[in-house]
Structures are given as structure tokens and as C-alpha cells.
Amino acid sequence: MANLAELYCILLLRSGQAAAEKERNVREYDVRICEIDDGELWPQAAKLKALWLISLADAFAAATALIMDGELVVGLDDGFDQIEGLRLVNIS
């Protein structure tokens, strides 16, 4: 699981106007946009934020990966390794 908004933000900071093209390139890989029941997502994200004192965006990313039984793609982010049951793929 990767937060597309987070990825796009990083691309904008590093690449400026080329970010849109790079984002399209990312979608050409095996990337799926998954629907998830927000009635299940937001409480899980809130619990993770409260327990691990992570940002709200990180809590939503982790909650999505846990609910979807997926792997969370991370870079230099800290704090995810403390979350029990969360599988990580580190690309840094």
C-alpha cells in the first residue's frame, strides 16, 4: 500500500512539473486503487494515531494496509515498524 497523495507530494517537491508524468508512470505498474469501508478505516486510523503517536496521514496509510492485508510501502518514515501486524516494504 502506498499513499498516492504522499507519493505525488514527494514527486512535486523533487520534480516540479514533471511530477504529473511520473505519477502516471507509477500507475502503469501493478498499482490498484482500492475501495475501503470508511466506517472501518477511520476508527482504526484513530486508534493507531493514539497508540503510536504518528501523523494522521501515516495512521490512515497504516490502517489501510492492515485492513486490506497488504504491505505498506515506506521510505525514510519512522515509527511504522512498531505497529504490530503491519508489513512494510522499505524503498529507501
PDB file of N, CA and C in Angstrom:
ATOM      1  N   MET A   1       0.844  -1.164   0.000  1.00  0.00           N
ATOM      2  CA  MET A   1       0.000   0.000   0.000  1.00  0.00           C
ATOM      3  C   MET A   1       0.896   1.236   0.000  1.00  0.00           C
ATOM      4  N   ALA A   2       0.552   2.145  -0.799  1.00  0.00           N
ATOM      5  CA  ALA A   2       1.269   3.414  -0.817  1.00  0.00           C
ATOM      6  C   ALA A   2       0.232   4.519  -0.866  1.00  0.00           C
ATOM      7  N   ASN A   3       0.472   5.564  -0.172  1.00  0.00           N
ATOM      8  CA  ASN A   3      -0.422   6.699  -0.190  1.00  0.00           C
ATOM      9  C   ASN A   3      -0.065   7.526  -1.417  1.00  0.00           C
ATOM     10  N   LEU A   4      -0.948   7.512  -2.407  1.00  0.00           N
ATOM     11  CA  LEU A   4      -0.665   8.193  -3.664  1.00  0.00           C
ATOM     12  C   LEU A   4      -0.480   9.696  -3.462  1.00  0.00           C
ATOM     13  N   ALA A   5      -1.208  10.280  -2.532  1.00  0.00           N
ATOM     14  CA  ALA A   5      -1.048  11.712  -2.259  1.00  0.00           C
ATOM     15  C   ALA A   5       0.353  12.006  -1.720  1.00  0.00           C
ATOM     16  N   GLU A   6       0.832  11.131  -0.846  1.00  0.00           N
ATOM     17  CA  GLU A   6       2.179  11.304  -0.290  1.00  0.00           C
ATOM     18  C   GLU A   6       3.231  11.185  -1.391  1.00  0.00           C
ATOM     19  N   LEU A   7       3.068  10.183  -2.233  1.00  0.00           N
ATOM     20  CA  LEU A   7       3.995   9.984  -3.341  1.00  0.00           C
ATOM     21  C   LEU A   7       3.992  11.193  -4.274  1.00  0.00           C
ATOM     22  N   TYR A   8       2.812  11.687  -4.599  1.00  0.00           N
ATOM     23  CA  TYR A   8       2.706  12.828  -5.506  1.00  0.00           C
ATOM     24  C   TYR A   8       3.356  14.069  -4.891  1.00  0.00           C
ATOM     25  N   CYS A   9       3.188  14.258  -3.602  1.00  0.00           N
ATOM     26  CA  CYS A   9       3.819  15.389  -2.912  1.00  0.00           C
ATOM     27  C   CYS A   9       5.342  15.309  -3.028  1.00  0.00           C
ATOM     28  N   ILE A  10       5.889  14.114  -2.805  1.00  0.00           N
ATOM     29  CA  ILE A  10       7.340  13.930  -2.927  1.00  0.00           C
ATOM     30  C   ILE A  10       7.787  14.213  -4.350  1.00  0.00           C
ATOM     31  N   LEU A  11       7.027  13.719  -5.326  1.00  0.00           N
ATOM     32  CA  LEU A  11       7.366  13.965  -6.730  1.00  0.00           C
ATOM     33  C   LEU A  11       7.331  15.453  -7.056  1.00  0.00           C
ATOM     34  N   LEU A  12       6.334  16.170  -6.534  1.00  0.00           N
ATOM     35  CA  LEU A  12       6.251  17.614  -6.766  1.00  0.00           C
ATOM     36  C   LEU A  12       7.463  18.334  -6.191  1.00  0.00           C
ATOM     37  N   LEU A  13       7.856  17.946  -4.987  1.00  0.00           N
ATOM     38  CA  LEU A  13       8.998  18.596  -4.348  1.00  0.00           C
ATOM     39  C   LEU A  13      10.296  18.333  -5.097  1.00  0.00           C
ATOM     40  N   ARG A  14      10.430  17.129  -5.626  1.00  0.00           N
ATOM     41  CA  ARG A  14      11.668  16.758  -6.311  1.00  0.00           C
ATOM     42  C   ARG A  14      11.671  17.101  -7.792  1.00  0.00           C
ATOM     43  N   SER A  15      10.512  17.048  -8.428  1.00  0.00           N
ATOM     44  CA  SER A  15      10.474  17.126  -9.889  1.00  0.00           C
ATOM     45  C   SER A  15       9.659  18.273 -10.448  1.00  0.00           C
ATOM     46  N   GLY A  16       8.946  18.975  -9.600  1.00  0.00           N
ATOM     47  CA  GLY A  16       8.131  20.079 -10.085  1.00  0.00           C
ATOM     48  C   GLY A  16       7.084  19.630 -11.085  1.00  0.00           C
ATOM     49  N   GLN A  17       7.087  20.247 -12.251  1.00  0.00           N
ATOM     50  CA  GLN A  17       6.055  19.978 -13.240  1.00  0.00           C
ATOM     51  C   GLN A  17       6.133  18.565 -13.815  1.00  0.00           C
ATOM     52  N   ALA A  18       7.257  17.911 -13.709  1.00  0.00           N
ATOM     53  CA  ALA A  18       7.384  16.537 -14.209  1.00  0.00           C
ATOM     54  C   ALA A  18       6.656  15.539 -13.307  1.00  0.00           C
ATOM     55  N   ALA A  19       6.161  16.002 -12.174  1.00  0.00           N
ATOM     56  CA  ALA A  19       5.510  15.107 -11.217  1.00  0.00           C
ATOM     57  C   ALA A  19       4.296  14.410 -11.811  1.00  0.00           C
ATOM     58  N   ALA A  20       3.493  15.120 -12.576  1.00  0.00           N
ATOM     59  CA  ALA A  20       2.289  14.513 -13.160  1.00  0.00           C
ATOM     60  C   ALA A  20       2.652  13.350 -14.072  1.00  0.00           C
ATOM     61  N   GLU A  21       3.681  13.527 -14.870  1.00  0.00           N
ATOM     62  CA  GLU A  21       4.112  12.447 -15.762  1.00  0.00           C
ATOM     63  C   GLU A  21       4.636  11.257 -14.953  1.00  0.00           C
ATOM     64  N   LYS A  22       5.395  11.539 -13.909  1.00  0.00           N
ATOM     65  CA  LYS A  22       5.931  10.460 -13.082  1.00  0.00           C
ATOM     66  C   LYS A  22       4.813   9.723 -12.357  1.00  0.00           C
ATOM     67  N   GLU A  23       3.806  10.460 -11.919  1.00  0.00           N
ATOM     68  CA  GLU A  23       2.662   9.824 -11.254  1.00  0.00           C
ATOM     69  C   GLU A  23       1.949   8.897 -12.226  1.00  0.00           C
ATOM     70  N   ARG A  24       1.791   9.305 -13.462  1.00  0.00           N
ATOM     71  CA  ARG A  24       1.174   8.436 -14.477  1.00  0.00           C
ATOM     72  C   ARG A  24       2.021   7.187 -14.687  1.00  0.00           C
ATOM     73  N   ASN A  25       3.336   7.342 -14.680  1.00  0.00           N
ATOM     74  CA  ASN A  25       4.227   6.187 -14.830  1.00  0.00           C
ATOM     75  C   ASN A  25       4.050   5.193 -13.685  1.00  0.00           C
ATOM     76  N   VAL A  26       3.870   5.694 -12.476  1.00  0.00           N
ATOM     77  CA  VAL A  26       3.661   4.825 -11.318  1.00  0.00           C
ATOM     78  C   VAL A  26       2.396   4.000 -11.513  1.00  0.00           C
ATOM     79  N   ARG A  27       1.359   4.613 -12.044  1.00  0.00           N
ATOM     80  CA  ARG A  27       0.088   3.905 -12.247  1.00  0.00           C
ATOM     81  C   ARG A  27       0.202   2.794 -13.289  1.00  0.00           C
ATOM     82  N   GLU A  28       1.244   2.815 -14.114  1.00  0.00           N
ATOM     83  CA  GLU A  28       1.427   1.767 -15.106  1.00  0.00           C
ATOM     84  C   GLU A  28       1.916   0.464 -14.473  1.00  0.00           C
ATOM     85  N   TYR A  29       2.445   0.543 -13.264  1.00  0.00           N
ATOM     86  CA  TYR A  29       2.862  -0.667 -12.557  1.00  0.00           C
ATOM     87  C   TYR A  29       1.620  -1.333 -11.976  1.00  0.00           C
ATOM     88  N   ASP A  30       1.816  -2.375 -11.223  1.00  0.00           N
ATOM     89  CA  ASP A  30       0.688  -3.099 -10.640  1.00  0.00           C
ATOM     90  C   ASP A  30       0.139  -2.326  -9.443  1.00  0.00           C
ATOM     91  N   VAL A  31      -0.412  -1.155  -9.722  1.00  0.00           N
ATOM     92  CA  VAL A  31      -0.977  -0.301  -8.691  1.00  0.00           C
ATOM     93  C   VAL A  31      -2.492  -0.370  -8.809  1.00  0.00           C
ATOM     94  N   ARG A  32      -3.141  -0.635  -7.692  1.00  0.00           N
ATOM     95  CA  ARG A  32      -4.594  -0.687  -7.677  1.00  0.00           C
ATOM     96  C   ARG A  32      -5.125   0.389  -6.737  1.00  0.00           C
ATOM     97  N   ILE A  33      -6.196   1.007  -7.164  1.00  0.00           N
ATOM     98  CA  ILE A  33      -6.919   1.910  -6.277  1.00  0.00           C
ATOM     99  C   ILE A  33      -7.974   1.053  -5.591  1.00  0.00           C
ATOM    100  N   CYS A  34      -7.908   0.955  -4.282  1.00  0.00           N
ATOM    101  CA  CYS A  34      -8.793   0.064  -3.535  1.00  0.00           C
ATOM    102  C   CYS A  34      -9.852   0.863  -2.795  1.00  0.00           C
ATOM    103  N   GLU A  35     -11.067   0.378  -2.882  1.00  0.00           N
ATOM    104  CA  GLU A  35     -12.125   0.975  -2.075  1.00  0.00           C
ATOM    105  C   GLU A  35     -12.126   0.289  -0.723  1.00  0.00           C
ATOM    106  N   ILE A  36     -12.407   1.069   0.288  1.00  0.00           N
ATOM    107  CA  ILE A  36     -12.408   0.528   1.646  1.00  0.00           C
ATOM    108  C   ILE A  36     -13.552   1.180   2.406  1.00  0.00           C
ATOM    109  N   ASP A  37     -14.149   0.443   3.306  1.00  0.00           N
ATOM    110  CA  ASP A  37     -15.262   0.948   4.106  1.00  0.00           C
ATOM    111  C   ASP A  37     -14.727   1.989   5.089  1.00  0.00           C
ATOM    112  N   ASP A  38     -15.109   3.244   4.873  1.00  0.00           N
ATOM    113  CA  ASP A  38     -14.568   4.289   5.750  1.00  0.00           C
ATOM    114  C   ASP A  38     -15.079   4.148   7.181  1.00  0.00           C
ATOM    115  N   GLY A  39     -16.185   3.423   7.378  1.00  0.00           N
ATOM    116  CA  GLY A  39     -16.664   3.154   8.731  1.00  0.00           C
ATOM    117  C   GLY A  39     -15.734   2.240   9.503  1.00  0.00           C
ATOM    118  N   GLU A  40     -14.914   1.498   8.785  1.00  0.00           N
ATOM    119  CA  GLU A  40     -13.897   0.647   9.397  1.00  0.00           C
ATOM    120  C   GLU A  40     -12.546   1.359   9.438  1.00  0.00           C
ATOM    121  N   LEU A  41     -12.290   2.192   8.430  1.00  0.00           N
ATOM    122  CA  LEU A  41     -10.974   2.815   8.284  1.00  0.00           C
ATOM    123  C   LEU A  41     -10.696   3.886   9.327  1.00  0.00           C
ATOM    124  N   TRP A  42     -11.602   4.845   9.470  1.00  0.00           N
ATOM    125  CA  TRP A  42     -11.275   5.964  10.354  1.00  0.00           C
ATOM    126  C   TRP A  42     -11.107   5.551  11.815  1.00  0.00           C
ATOM    127  N   PRO A  43     -11.920   4.599  12.356  1.00  0.00           N
ATOM    128  CA  PRO A  43     -11.661   4.212  13.751  1.00  0.00           C
ATOM    129  C   PRO A  43     -10.302   3.524  13.927  1.00  0.00           C
ATOM    130  N   GLN A  44      -9.938   2.693  12.944  1.00  0.00           N
ATOM    131  CA  GLN A  44      -8.635   2.018  13.009  1.00  0.00           C
ATOM    132  C   GLN A  44      -7.504   3.049  12.946  1.00  0.00           C
ATOM    133  N   ALA A  45      -7.632   4.028  12.053  1.00  0.00           N
ATOM    134  CA  ALA A  45      -6.613   5.077  11.939  1.00  0.00           C
ATOM    135  C   ALA A  45      -6.505   5.876  13.241  1.00  0.00           C
ATOM    136  N   ALA A  46      -7.640   6.188  13.843  1.00  0.00           N
ATOM    137  CA  ALA A  46      -7.633   6.941  15.102  1.00  0.00           C
ATOM    138  C   ALA A  46      -6.931   6.155  16.208  1.00  0.00           C
ATOM    139  N   LYS A  47      -7.194   4.840  16.271  1.00  0.00           N
ATOM    140  CA  LYS A  47      -6.541   4.004  17.284  1.00  0.00           C
ATOM    141  C   LYS A  47      -5.026   3.977  17.079  1.00  0.00           C
ATOM    142  N   LEU A  48      -4.602   3.822  15.829  1.00  0.00           N
ATOM    143  CA  LEU A  48      -3.167   3.791  15.546  1.00  0.00           C
ATOM    144  C   LEU A  48      -2.508   5.117  15.900  1.00  0.00           C
ATOM    145  N   LYS A  49      -3.181   6.224  15.580  1.00  0.00           N
ATOM    146  CA  LYS A  49      -2.627   7.546  15.889  1.00  0.00           C
ATOM    147  C   LYS A  49      -2.481   7.724  17.401  1.00  0.00           C
ATOM    148  N   ALA A  50      -3.494   7.302  18.138  1.00  0.00           N
ATOM    149  CA  ALA A  50      -3.461   7.446  19.594  1.00  0.00           C
ATOM    150  C   ALA A  50      -2.415   6.534  20.238  1.00  0.00           C
ATOM    151  N   LEU A  51      -2.318   5.306  19.751  1.00  0.00           N
ATOM    152  CA  LEU A  51      -1.391   4.337  20.347  1.00  0.00           C
ATOM    153  C   LEU A  51       0.069   4.631  20.038  1.00  0.00           C
ATOM    154  N   TRP A  52       0.340   5.040  18.813  1.00  0.00           N
ATOM    155  CA  TRP A  52       1.724   5.145  18.361  1.00  0.00           C
ATOM    156  C   TRP A  52       2.187   6.578  18.115  1.00  0.00           C
ATOM    157  N   LEU A  53       1.312   7.550  18.350  1.00  0.00           N
ATOM    158  CA  LEU A  53       1.653   8.967  18.203  1.00  0.00           C
ATOM    159  C   LEU A  53       2.269   9.271  16.837  1.00  0.00           C
ATOM    160  N   ILE A  54       1.620   8.765  15.784  1.00  0.00           N
ATOM    161  CA  ILE A  54       2.056   9.020  14.413  1.00  0.00           C
ATOM    162  C   ILE A  54       1.138  10.062  13.793  1.00  0.00           C
ATOM    163  N   SER A  55       1.535  10.601  12.658  1.00  0.00           N
ATOM    164  CA  SER A  55       0.706  11.604  11.998  1.00  0.00           C
ATOM    165  C   SER A  55      -0.603  10.967  11.538  1.00  0.00           C
ATOM    166  N   LEU A  56      -1.598  11.779  11.320  1.00  0.00           N
ATOM    167  CA  LEU A  56      -2.889  11.273  10.863  1.00  0.00           C
ATOM    168  C   LEU A  56      -2.762  10.621   9.491  1.00  0.00           C
ATOM    169  N   ALA A  57      -1.976  11.223   8.603  1.00  0.00           N
ATOM    170  CA  ALA A  57      -1.774  10.632   7.272  1.00  0.00           C
ATOM    171  C   ALA A  57      -1.118   9.259   7.388  1.00  0.00           C
ATOM    172  N   ASP A  58      -0.103   9.140   8.249  1.00  0.00           N
ATOM    173  CA  ASP A  58       0.556   7.853   8.456  1.00  0.00           C
ATOM    174  C   ASP A  58      -0.408   6.840   9.066  1.00  0.00           C
ATOM    175  N   ALA A  59      -1.257   7.300   9.972  1.00  0.00           N
ATOM    176  CA  ALA A  59      -2.233   6.408  10.600  1.00  0.00           C
ATOM    177  C   ALA A  59      -3.214   5.862   9.566  1.00  0.00           C
ATOM    178  N   PHE A  60      -3.665   6.706   8.650  1.00  0.00           N
ATOM    179  CA  PHE A  60      -4.577   6.241   7.597  1.00  0.00           C
ATOM    180  C   PHE A  60      -3.876   5.269   6.651  1.00  0.00           C
ATOM    181  N   ALA A  61      -2.622   5.540   6.322  1.00  0.00           N
ATOM    182  CA  ALA A  61      -1.879   4.631   5.448  1.00  0.00           C
ATOM    183  C   ALA A  61      -1.700   3.276   6.123  1.00  0.00           C
ATOM    184  N   ALA A  62      -1.316   3.272   7.383  1.00  0.00           N
ATOM    185  CA  ALA A  62      -1.115   2.021   8.116  1.00  0.00           C
ATOM    186  C   ALA A  62      -2.431   1.272   8.293  1.00  0.00           C
ATOM    187  N   ALA A  63      -3.484   1.987   8.630  1.00  0.00           N
ATOM    188  CA  ALA A  63      -4.791   1.348   8.807  1.00  0.00           C
ATOM    189  C   ALA A  63      -5.266   0.707   7.509  1.00  0.00           C
ATOM    190  N   THR A  64      -5.059   1.383   6.398  1.00  0.00           N
ATOM    191  CA  THR A  64      -5.452   0.830   5.101  1.00  0.00           C
ATOM    192  C   THR A  64      -4.701  -0.461   4.823  1.00  0.00           C
ATOM    193  N   ALA A  65      -3.400  -0.468   5.046  1.00  0.00           N
ATOM    194  CA  ALA A  65      -2.601  -1.674   4.815  1.00  0.00           C
ATOM    195  C   ALA A  65      -3.055  -2.815   5.719  1.00  0.00           C
ATOM    196  N   LEU A  66      -3.337  -2.514   6.974  1.00  0.00           N
ATOM    197  CA  LEU A  66      -3.786  -3.556   7.898  1.00  0.00           C
ATOM    198  C   LEU A  66      -5.142  -4.123   7.485  1.00  0.00           C
ATOM    199  N   ILE A  67      -6.080  -3.255   7.167  1.00  0.00           N
ATOM    200  CA  ILE A  67      -7.428  -3.694   6.799  1.00  0.00           C
ATOM    201  C   ILE A  67      -7.418  -4.486   5.502  1.00  0.00           C
ATOM    202  N   MET A  68      -6.605  -4.045   4.542  1.00  0.00           N
ATOM    203  CA  MET A  68      -6.551  -4.710   3.236  1.00  0.00           C
ATOM    204  C   MET A  68      -5.580  -5.899   3.238  1.00  0.00           C
ATOM    205  N   ASP A  69      -4.952  -6.171   4.376  1.00  0.00           N
ATOM    206  CA  ASP A  69      -3.952  -7.234   4.499  1.00  0.00           C
ATOM    207  C   ASP A  69      -2.871  -7.076   3.434  1.00  0.00           C
ATOM    208  N   GLY A  70      -2.408  -5.835   3.294  1.00  0.00           N
ATOM    209  CA  GLY A  70      -1.388  -5.522   2.294  1.00  0.00           C
ATOM    210  C   GLY A  70      -0.092  -5.104   2.948  1.00  0.00           C
ATOM    211  N   GLU A  71       0.840  -4.709   2.117  1.00  0.00           N
ATOM    212  CA  GLU A  71       2.124  -4.201   2.581  1.00  0.00           C
ATOM    213  C   GLU A  71       2.139  -2.693   2.391  1.00  0.00           C
ATOM    214  N   LEU A  72       2.706  -1.993   3.342  1.00  0.00           N
ATOM    215  CA  LEU A  72       2.823  -0.545   3.269  1.00  0.00           C
ATOM    216  C   LEU A  72       4.203  -0.194   2.733  1.00  0.00           C
ATOM    217  N   VAL A  73       4.242   0.543   1.650  1.00  0.00           N
ATOM    218  CA  VAL A  73       5.500   0.983   1.056  1.00  0.00           C
ATOM    219  C   VAL A  73       5.948   2.241   1.791  1.00  0.00           C
ATOM    220  N   VAL A  74       7.169   2.200   2.338  1.00  0.00           N
ATOM    221  CA  VAL A  74       7.680   3.332   3.111  1.00  0.00           C
ATOM    222  C   VAL A  74       9.062   3.717   2.612  1.00  0.00           C
ATOM    223  N   GLY A  75       9.431   4.940   2.932  1.00  0.00           N
ATOM    224  CA  GLY A  75      10.764   5.426   2.612  1.00  0.00           C
ATOM    225  C   GLY A  75      11.525   5.654   3.893  1.00  0.00           C
ATOM    226  N   LEU A  76      11.764   6.911   4.209  1.00  0.00           N
ATOM    227  CA  LEU A  76      12.535   7.256   5.403  1.00  0.00           C
ATOM    228  C   LEU A  76      11.669   7.419   6.641  1.00  0.00           C
ATOM    229  N   ASP A  77      10.376   7.110   6.510  1.00  0.00           N
ATOM    230  CA  ASP A  77       9.455   7.291   7.630  1.00  0.00           C
ATOM    231  C   ASP A  77       9.855   6.424   8.815  1.00  0.00           C
ATOM    232  N   ASP A  78       9.740   6.996   9.990  1.00  0.00           N
ATOM    233  CA  ASP A  78       9.991   6.253  11.217  1.00  0.00           C
ATOM    234  C   ASP A  78       8.657   5.938  11.885  1.00  0.00           C
ATOM    235  N   GLY A  79       8.681   4.951  12.734  1.00  0.00           N
ATOM    236  CA  GLY A  79       7.517   4.686  13.558  1.00  0.00           C
ATOM    237  C   GLY A  79       6.630   3.558  13.082  1.00  0.00           C
ATOM    238  N   PHE A  80       6.686   3.221  11.812  1.00  0.00           N
ATOM    239  CA  PHE A  80       5.807   2.165  11.321  1.00  0.00           C
ATOM    240  C   PHE A  80       6.199   0.793  11.846  1.00  0.00           C
ATOM    241  N   ASP A  81       7.485   0.565  12.080  1.00  0.00           N
ATOM    242  CA  ASP A  81       7.939  -0.760  12.489  1.00  0.00           C
ATOM    243  C   ASP A  81       7.431  -1.162  13.867  1.00  0.00           C
ATOM    244  N   GLN A  82       6.920  -0.222  14.631  1.00  0.00           N
ATOM    245  CA  GLN A  82       6.400  -0.527  15.956  1.00  0.00           C
ATOM    246  C   GLN A  82       4.966  -1.052  15.916  1.00  0.00           C
ATOM    247  N   ILE A  83       4.291  -0.951  14.782  1.00  0.00           N
ATOM    248  CA  ILE A  83       2.879  -1.325  14.682  1.00  0.00           C
ATOM    249  C   ILE A  83       2.764  -2.821  14.405  1.00  0.00           C
ATOM    250  N   GLU A  84       2.210  -3.528  15.361  1.00  0.00           N
ATOM    251  CA  GLU A  84       2.092  -4.986  15.273  1.00  0.00           C
ATOM    252  C   GLU A  84       1.206  -5.401  14.098  1.00  0.00           C
ATOM    253  N   GLY A  85       1.700  -6.361  13.327  1.00  0.00           N
ATOM    254  CA  GLY A  85       0.932  -6.911  12.215  1.00  0.00           C
ATOM    255  C   GLY A  85       1.073  -6.151  10.916  1.00  0.00           C
ATOM    256  N   LEU A  86       1.733  -5.005  10.950  1.00  0.00           N
ATOM    257  CA  LEU A  86       1.894  -4.183   9.748  1.00  0.00           C
ATOM    258  C   LEU A  86       3.119  -4.658   8.977  1.00  0.00           C
ATOM    259  N   ARG A  87       2.898  -5.052   7.729  1.00  0.00           N
ATOM    260  CA  ARG A  87       4.003  -5.496   6.873  1.00  0.00           C
ATOM    261  C   ARG A  87       4.504  -4.308   6.063  1.00  0.00           C
ATOM    262  N   LEU A  88       5.824  -4.121   6.059  1.00  0.00           N
ATOM    263  CA  LEU A  88       6.438  -2.961   5.414  1.00  0.00           C
ATOM    264  C   LEU A  88       7.332  -3.373   4.256  1.00  0.00           C
ATOM    265  N   VAL A  89       7.370  -2.518   3.243  1.00  0.00           N
ATOM    266  CA  VAL A  89       8.331  -2.625   2.151  1.00  0.00           C
ATOM    267  C   VAL A  89       9.080  -1.307   2.143  1.00  0.00           C
ATOM    268  N   ASN A  90      10.362  -1.349   2.484  1.00  0.00           N
ATOM    269  CA  ASN A  90      11.159  -0.130   2.567  1.00  0.00           C
ATOM    270  C   ASN A  90      11.874   0.104   1.241  1.00  0.00           C
ATOM    271  N   ILE A  91      11.652   1.269   0.648  1.00  0.00           N
ATOM    272  CA  ILE A  91      12.261   1.583  -0.648  1.00  0.00           C
ATOM    273  C   ILE A  91      13.384   2.607  -0.537  1.00  0.00           C
ATOM    274  N   SER A  92      13.794   2.935   0.690  1.00  0.00           N
ATOM    275  CA  SER A  92      14.870   3.931   0.838  1.00  0.00           C
ATOM    276  C   SER A  92      16.223   3.275   0.814  1.00  0.00           C
TER     277      SER A  92
END
